[in-house]
């Protein structure tokens, strides 16, 4: 579908859902001593478990993260241990808990006094774009007996854990979850290369398809540089998220010598990522 406009060309390839807000971190539950710590999974990864060392109290805790794989089914792979905090003492017990495939950490319960005695994680099944559903799995408690059972804490809405935070000293004083969602990766623009003088009135635009995307890819062209694709489109087309190139069906309506900015915007249900470049029309 083609629509004319007085100012330049803006090609928009379909519309997709607005990004959602990242969930707030949970409270860190336990004692108030020690210094703060924070361990966050890499971008595009989810928290799928923890590993611990404990005696009477929790000595050490670390994050287990996994790479987001399929945005439609919410699956992940390659669970791996991230750095830990704390100090294992002689004779401590080491254990780990990991969510089943297709689940991520959503909430937890702690038993504690001045220090954390035990941690119990709940995993929620993931749906499209790795948003959490109501299906849950309770992992076995990690840690020792004792302490007072504290109120469960959970990541809000459809967000899930992407790391852990709290306080630590000689032992783990407090434990909490860093909450968030999985964004798509940023696309890389390939052609036309930055600054190129383009002779074709219908050049083909190429980019590397971003991972973790879903729905439709947006492509914009405009004679002025913008921070996002605008709604006042002069030309509208459709490119599926699996595509990594687009060729206009009509000649581009730009005068010779005009600098044209082009942008690719790729989204999933959680966020969008963009990349822009420019070429000169002959």
Protein backbone atom coordinates (compact mmCIF):
# COMPACT_ATOMS: atom_id res chain seq x y z
CA UNK A 1 0.00 0.00 0.00
CA UNK A 2 1.40 3.43 -1.00
CA UNK A 3 0.53 6.78 0.53
CA UNK A 4 1.97 10.08 -0.70
CA UNK A 5 3.37 12.74 1.61
CA UNK A 6 4.83 16.21 1.15
CA UNK A 7 8.00 15.60 3.12
CA UNK A 8 10.35 12.88 1.93
CA UNK A 9 9.75 9.17 2.26
CA UNK A 10 9.22 7.17 5.37
CA UNK A 11 8.76 3.49 4.71
CA UNK A 12 7.23 1.64 7.62
CA UNK A 13 7.01 -2.11 7.47
CA UNK A 14 4.01 -3.00 9.63
CA UNK A 15 3.11 -2.06 13.17
CA UNK A 16 3.82 -4.13 16.26
CA UNK A 17 3.00 -4.09 19.94
CA UNK A 18 4.41 -1.35 22.16
CA UNK A 19 7.29 -2.26 24.49
CA UNK A 20 6.36 -3.20 28.05
CA UNK A 21 7.93 -1.78 31.19
CA UNK A 22 10.64 -3.81 32.88
CA UNK A 23 9.47 -5.29 36.17
CA UNK A 24 10.79 -3.77 39.39
CA UNK A 25 13.36 -5.76 41.37
CA UNK A 26 12.10 -7.62 44.41
CA UNK A 27 13.11 -6.63 47.91
CA UNK A 28 16.26 -8.23 49.29
CA UNK A 29 15.00 -10.42 52.15
CA UNK A 30 17.03 -11.29 55.27
CA UNK A 31 19.32 -9.33 57.58
CA UNK A 32 20.52 -5.76 57.20
CA UNK A 33 24.25 -6.35 57.66
CA UNK A 34 27.02 -6.72 55.13
CA UNK A 35 27.51 -4.87 51.84
CA UNK A 36 25.35 -4.94 48.74
CA UNK A 37 25.90 -7.33 45.83
CA UNK A 38 24.37 -7.68 42.38
CA UNK A 39 24.84 -10.40 39.76
CA UNK A 40 22.99 -9.91 36.47
CA UNK A 41 22.73 -12.28 33.52
CA UNK A 42 24.01 -11.02 30.17
CA UNK A 43 21.57 -9.30 27.80
CA UNK A 44 19.27 -11.86 26.19
CA UNK A 45 19.63 -14.30 29.09
CA UNK A 46 17.27 -15.38 31.87
CA UNK A 47 17.86 -16.49 35.45
CA UNK A 48 17.00 -20.20 35.52
CA UNK A 49 18.44 -21.15 38.90
CA UNK A 50 21.07 -20.59 41.58
CA UNK A 51 23.94 -22.52 43.15
CA UNK A 52 24.83 -22.26 46.82
CA UNK A 53 27.19 -23.35 49.58
CA UNK A 54 25.89 -23.48 53.15
CA UNK A 55 26.45 -24.74 56.68
CA UNK A 56 24.23 -23.31 59.42
CA UNK A 57 23.78 -20.24 57.20
CA UNK A 58 24.15 -19.50 53.51
CA UNK A 59 27.84 -19.00 52.78
CA UNK A 60 27.75 -18.41 49.04
CA UNK A 61 25.19 -17.86 46.28
CA UNK A 62 25.61 -17.61 42.51
CA UNK A 63 23.37 -17.16 39.46
CA UNK A 64 22.57 -19.75 36.80
CA UNK A 65 21.67 -18.05 33.51
CA UNK A 66 20.50 -19.37 30.14
CA UNK A 67 20.36 -17.90 26.63
CA UNK A 68 16.93 -17.07 25.23
CA UNK A 69 16.39 -19.16 22.10
CA UNK A 70 12.89 -19.24 20.57
CA UNK A 71 10.63 -16.19 20.96
CA UNK A 72 7.50 -18.10 19.94
CA UNK A 73 7.80 -20.96 22.42
CA UNK A 74 9.80 -19.10 25.09
CA UNK A 75 12.47 -21.79 25.21
CA UNK A 76 16.10 -21.34 26.24
CA UNK A 77 19.35 -23.28 26.19
CA UNK A 78 22.94 -23.29 27.43
CA UNK A 79 22.39 -22.81 31.16
CA UNK A 80 25.68 -21.79 32.77
CA UNK A 81 26.98 -20.58 36.13
CA UNK A 82 27.70 -16.88 36.54
CA UNK A 83 29.97 -15.50 39.29
CA UNK A 84 29.05 -16.04 42.94
CA UNK A 85 29.28 -13.92 46.08
CA UNK A 86 30.19 -14.98 49.59
CA UNK A 87 32.84 -17.15 51.25
CA UNK A 88 32.55 -20.93 51.40
CA UNK A 89 33.63 -22.24 54.79
CA UNK A 90 35.19 -25.58 55.67
CA UNK A 91 32.66 -28.39 55.59
CA UNK A 92 29.93 -26.54 53.72
CA UNK A 93 27.42 -28.32 51.49
CA UNK A 94 27.19 -27.32 47.84
CA UNK A 95 23.96 -27.65 45.85
CA UNK A 96 22.22 -26.08 42.88
CA UNK A 97 18.66 -25.75 41.64
CA UNK A 98 17.68 -25.25 38.01
CA UNK A 99 14.29 -24.62 36.42
CA UNK A 100 13.02 -27.17 33.88
CA UNK A 101 13.49 -26.31 30.21
CA UNK A 102 11.05 -23.59 29.19
CA UNK A 103 10.76 -22.15 32.74
CA UNK A 104 12.54 -19.24 34.44
CA UNK A 105 12.81 -18.03 38.03
CA UNK A 106 9.80 -15.90 38.98
CA UNK A 107 9.70 -15.79 42.78
CA UNK A 108 11.40 -17.01 45.98
CA UNK A 109 11.02 -17.55 49.69
CA UNK A 110 13.76 -17.10 52.28
CA UNK A 111 14.14 -18.39 55.83
CA UNK A 112 16.46 -16.13 57.76
CA UNK A 113 17.51 -14.44 60.96
CA UNK A 114 20.46 -12.10 60.75
CA UNK A 115 21.68 -14.29 57.88
CA UNK A 116 19.93 -16.32 55.19
CA UNK A 117 19.37 -19.96 56.20
CA UNK A 118 17.66 -21.22 53.06
CA UNK A 119 16.26 -20.13 49.69
CA UNK A 120 13.33 -21.71 47.82
CA UNK A 121 12.78 -20.76 44.16
CA UNK A 122 9.61 -20.97 42.09
CA UNK A 123 9.90 -21.21 38.29
CA UNK A 124 7.16 -20.15 35.89
CA UNK A 125 6.63 -21.51 32.41
CA UNK A 126 7.54 -19.06 29.66
CA UNK A 127 5.29 -18.12 26.77
CA UNK A 128 5.74 -15.90 23.73
CA UNK A 129 8.71 -13.49 24.02
CA UNK A 130 9.68 -15.29 27.26
CA UNK A 131 6.83 -13.73 29.23
CA UNK A 132 5.88 -15.75 32.28
CA UNK A 133 2.64 -17.73 32.44
CA UNK A 134 0.77 -19.06 35.49
CA UNK A 135 2.18 -22.61 35.20
CA UNK A 136 4.74 -23.09 38.01
CA UNK A 137 7.32 -25.54 39.32
CA UNK A 138 8.60 -25.34 42.90
CA UNK A 139 12.30 -26.21 43.22
CA UNK A 140 13.66 -28.02 46.27
CA UNK A 141 14.77 -25.79 49.13
CA UNK A 142 18.48 -24.95 49.13
CA UNK A 143 20.14 -24.41 52.49
CA UNK A 144 19.85 -25.38 56.13
CA UNK A 145 16.96 -25.61 58.57
CA UNK A 146 16.28 -22.76 60.98
CA UNK A 147 15.47 -19.11 60.62
CA UNK A 148 12.06 -17.49 60.23
CA UNK A 149 10.07 -18.10 57.05
CA UNK A 150 9.74 -14.78 55.25
CA UNK A 151 7.03 -13.57 52.86
CA UNK A 152 7.45 -14.74 49.26
CA UNK A 153 8.71 -12.14 46.77
CA UNK A 154 8.01 -12.23 43.02
CA UNK A 155 8.87 -10.34 39.84
CA UNK A 156 5.81 -8.33 38.80
CA UNK A 157 3.52 -8.81 35.82
CA UNK A 158 4.91 -11.07 33.10
CA UNK A 159 8.55 -10.28 33.92
CA UNK A 160 11.01 -12.88 35.20
CA UNK A 161 14.32 -12.83 37.02
CA UNK A 162 17.45 -11.82 35.14
CA UNK A 163 19.80 -11.82 38.14
CA UNK A 164 20.15 -11.73 41.91
CA UNK A 165 20.96 -9.03 44.45
CA UNK A 166 21.16 -8.60 48.20
CA UNK A 167 23.69 -8.13 50.99
CA UNK A 168 26.67 -10.23 52.04
CA UNK A 169 29.51 -10.28 54.54
CA UNK A 170 30.93 -13.35 56.24
CA UNK A 171 27.64 -15.01 55.22
CA UNK A 172 24.80 -14.12 52.86
CA UNK A 173 22.77 -11.55 54.79
CA UNK A 174 19.93 -11.02 52.30
CA UNK A 175 18.73 -12.32 48.93
CA UNK A 176 16.52 -10.86 46.19
CA UNK A 177 15.81 -11.04 42.46
CA UNK A 178 16.69 -8.62 39.67
CA UNK A 179 13.64 -8.62 37.38
CA UNK A 180 13.30 -7.80 33.70
CA UNK A 181 12.51 -9.16 30.26
CA UNK A 182 14.34 -10.33 27.14
CA UNK A 183 14.82 -7.64 24.45
CA UNK A 184 15.71 -8.37 20.82
CA UNK A 185 19.30 -7.83 19.78
CA UNK A 186 20.19 -4.75 17.75
CA UNK A 187 20.18 -5.29 13.95
CA UNK A 188 23.36 -4.64 11.97
CA UNK A 189 22.90 -2.68 8.73
CA UNK A 190 24.79 -4.05 5.73
CA UNK A 191 23.76 -2.16 2.58
CA UNK A 192 23.67 0.50 1.35
CA UNK A 193 26.85 1.13 3.30
CA UNK A 194 27.08 4.33 5.31
CA UNK A 195 27.55 7.37 3.04
CA UNK A 196 27.25 5.48 -0.27
CA UNK A 197 25.89 7.31 -3.34
CA UNK A 198 23.05 5.11 -4.59
CA UNK A 199 22.20 5.17 -8.31
CA UNK A 200 19.17 2.86 -8.23
CA UNK A 201 15.75 4.38 -7.64
CA UNK A 202 14.77 1.07 -6.03
CA UNK A 203 17.80 -0.05 -4.03
CA UNK A 204 17.64 -3.19 -1.92
CA UNK A 205 18.27 -2.65 1.80
CA UNK A 206 20.05 -5.41 3.71
CA UNK A 207 20.57 -6.02 7.43
CA UNK A 208 21.39 -8.96 9.64
CA UNK A 209 18.27 -10.29 11.27
CA UNK A 210 18.33 -9.57 14.99
CA UNK A 211 17.98 -12.46 17.40
CA UNK A 212 15.02 -12.74 19.80
CA UNK A 213 12.73 -10.79 17.47
CA UNK A 214 9.08 -11.52 16.81
CA UNK A 215 6.30 -10.17 14.61
CA UNK A 216 7.27 -7.60 11.98
CA UNK A 217 10.41 -5.66 11.11
CA UNK A 218 10.11 -1.92 10.56
CA UNK A 219 12.16 -0.06 7.96
CA UNK A 220 12.14 3.75 7.69
CA UNK A 221 13.58 6.18 5.17
CA UNK A 222 13.56 9.95 5.74
CA UNK A 223 15.54 13.01 4.55
CA UNK A 224 15.92 14.14 8.17
CA UNK A 225 17.53 12.08 10.92
CA UNK A 226 15.07 10.80 13.53
CA UNK A 227 15.44 8.80 16.72
CA UNK A 228 12.60 6.41 15.89
CA UNK A 229 10.38 5.38 12.99
CA UNK A 230 7.62 7.96 12.62
CA UNK A 231 3.90 7.28 12.22
CA UNK A 232 3.53 9.72 9.28
CA UNK A 233 4.55 7.16 6.67
CA UNK A 234 4.73 8.06 2.98
CA UNK A 235 5.10 4.44 1.91
CA UNK A 236 3.94 1.38 3.83
CA UNK A 237 4.90 -2.23 3.20
CA UNK A 238 5.30 -5.47 5.13
CA UNK A 239 8.40 -7.46 6.03
CA UNK A 240 8.15 -10.55 8.22
CA UNK A 241 10.59 -10.77 11.14
CA UNK A 242 12.38 -13.65 9.42
CA UNK A 243 13.35 -11.37 6.49
CA UNK A 244 16.61 -9.42 6.39
CA UNK A 245 16.16 -7.31 3.23
CA UNK A 246 13.61 -5.10 1.52
CA UNK A 247 13.27 -3.61 -1.97
CA UNK A 248 10.76 -0.81 -2.59
CA UNK A 249 8.03 -1.56 -5.12
CA UNK A 250 8.13 2.03 -6.43
CA UNK A 251 10.90 4.50 -7.20
CA UNK A 252 12.10 6.44 -4.17
CA UNK A 253 10.84 10.05 -4.46
CA UNK A 254 14.09 11.80 -3.51
CA UNK A 255 15.91 14.52 -5.42
CA UNK A 256 19.49 13.92 -6.55
CA UNK A 257 22.12 14.72 -3.95
CA UNK A 258 19.78 14.41 -0.96
CA UNK A 259 21.10 12.59 2.08
CA UNK A 260 18.61 9.88 3.07
CA UNK A 261 18.57 8.29 6.53
CA UNK A 262 17.37 4.72 6.79
CA UNK A 263 16.56 2.83 9.95
CA UNK A 264 15.69 -0.76 10.81
CA UNK A 265 13.59 -1.34 13.91
CA UNK A 266 13.14 -4.86 15.27
CA UNK A 267 10.90 -5.67 18.22
CA UNK A 268 9.46 -8.41 20.35
CA UNK A 269 6.69 -8.04 22.93
CA UNK A 270 9.12 -6.60 25.49
CA UNK A 271 11.20 -3.97 23.70
CA UNK A 272 12.51 -2.66 20.38
CA UNK A 273 16.03 -2.13 19.07
CA UNK A 274 16.99 0.17 16.18
CA UNK A 275 19.99 0.94 14.00
CA UNK A 276 20.31 3.75 11.43
CA UNK A 277 22.59 4.75 8.57
CA UNK A 278 22.43 7.05 5.54
CA UNK A 279 23.05 7.15 1.80
CA UNK A 280 22.98 9.84 -0.88
CA UNK A 281 20.50 9.68 -3.75
CA UNK A 282 21.81 10.30 -7.30
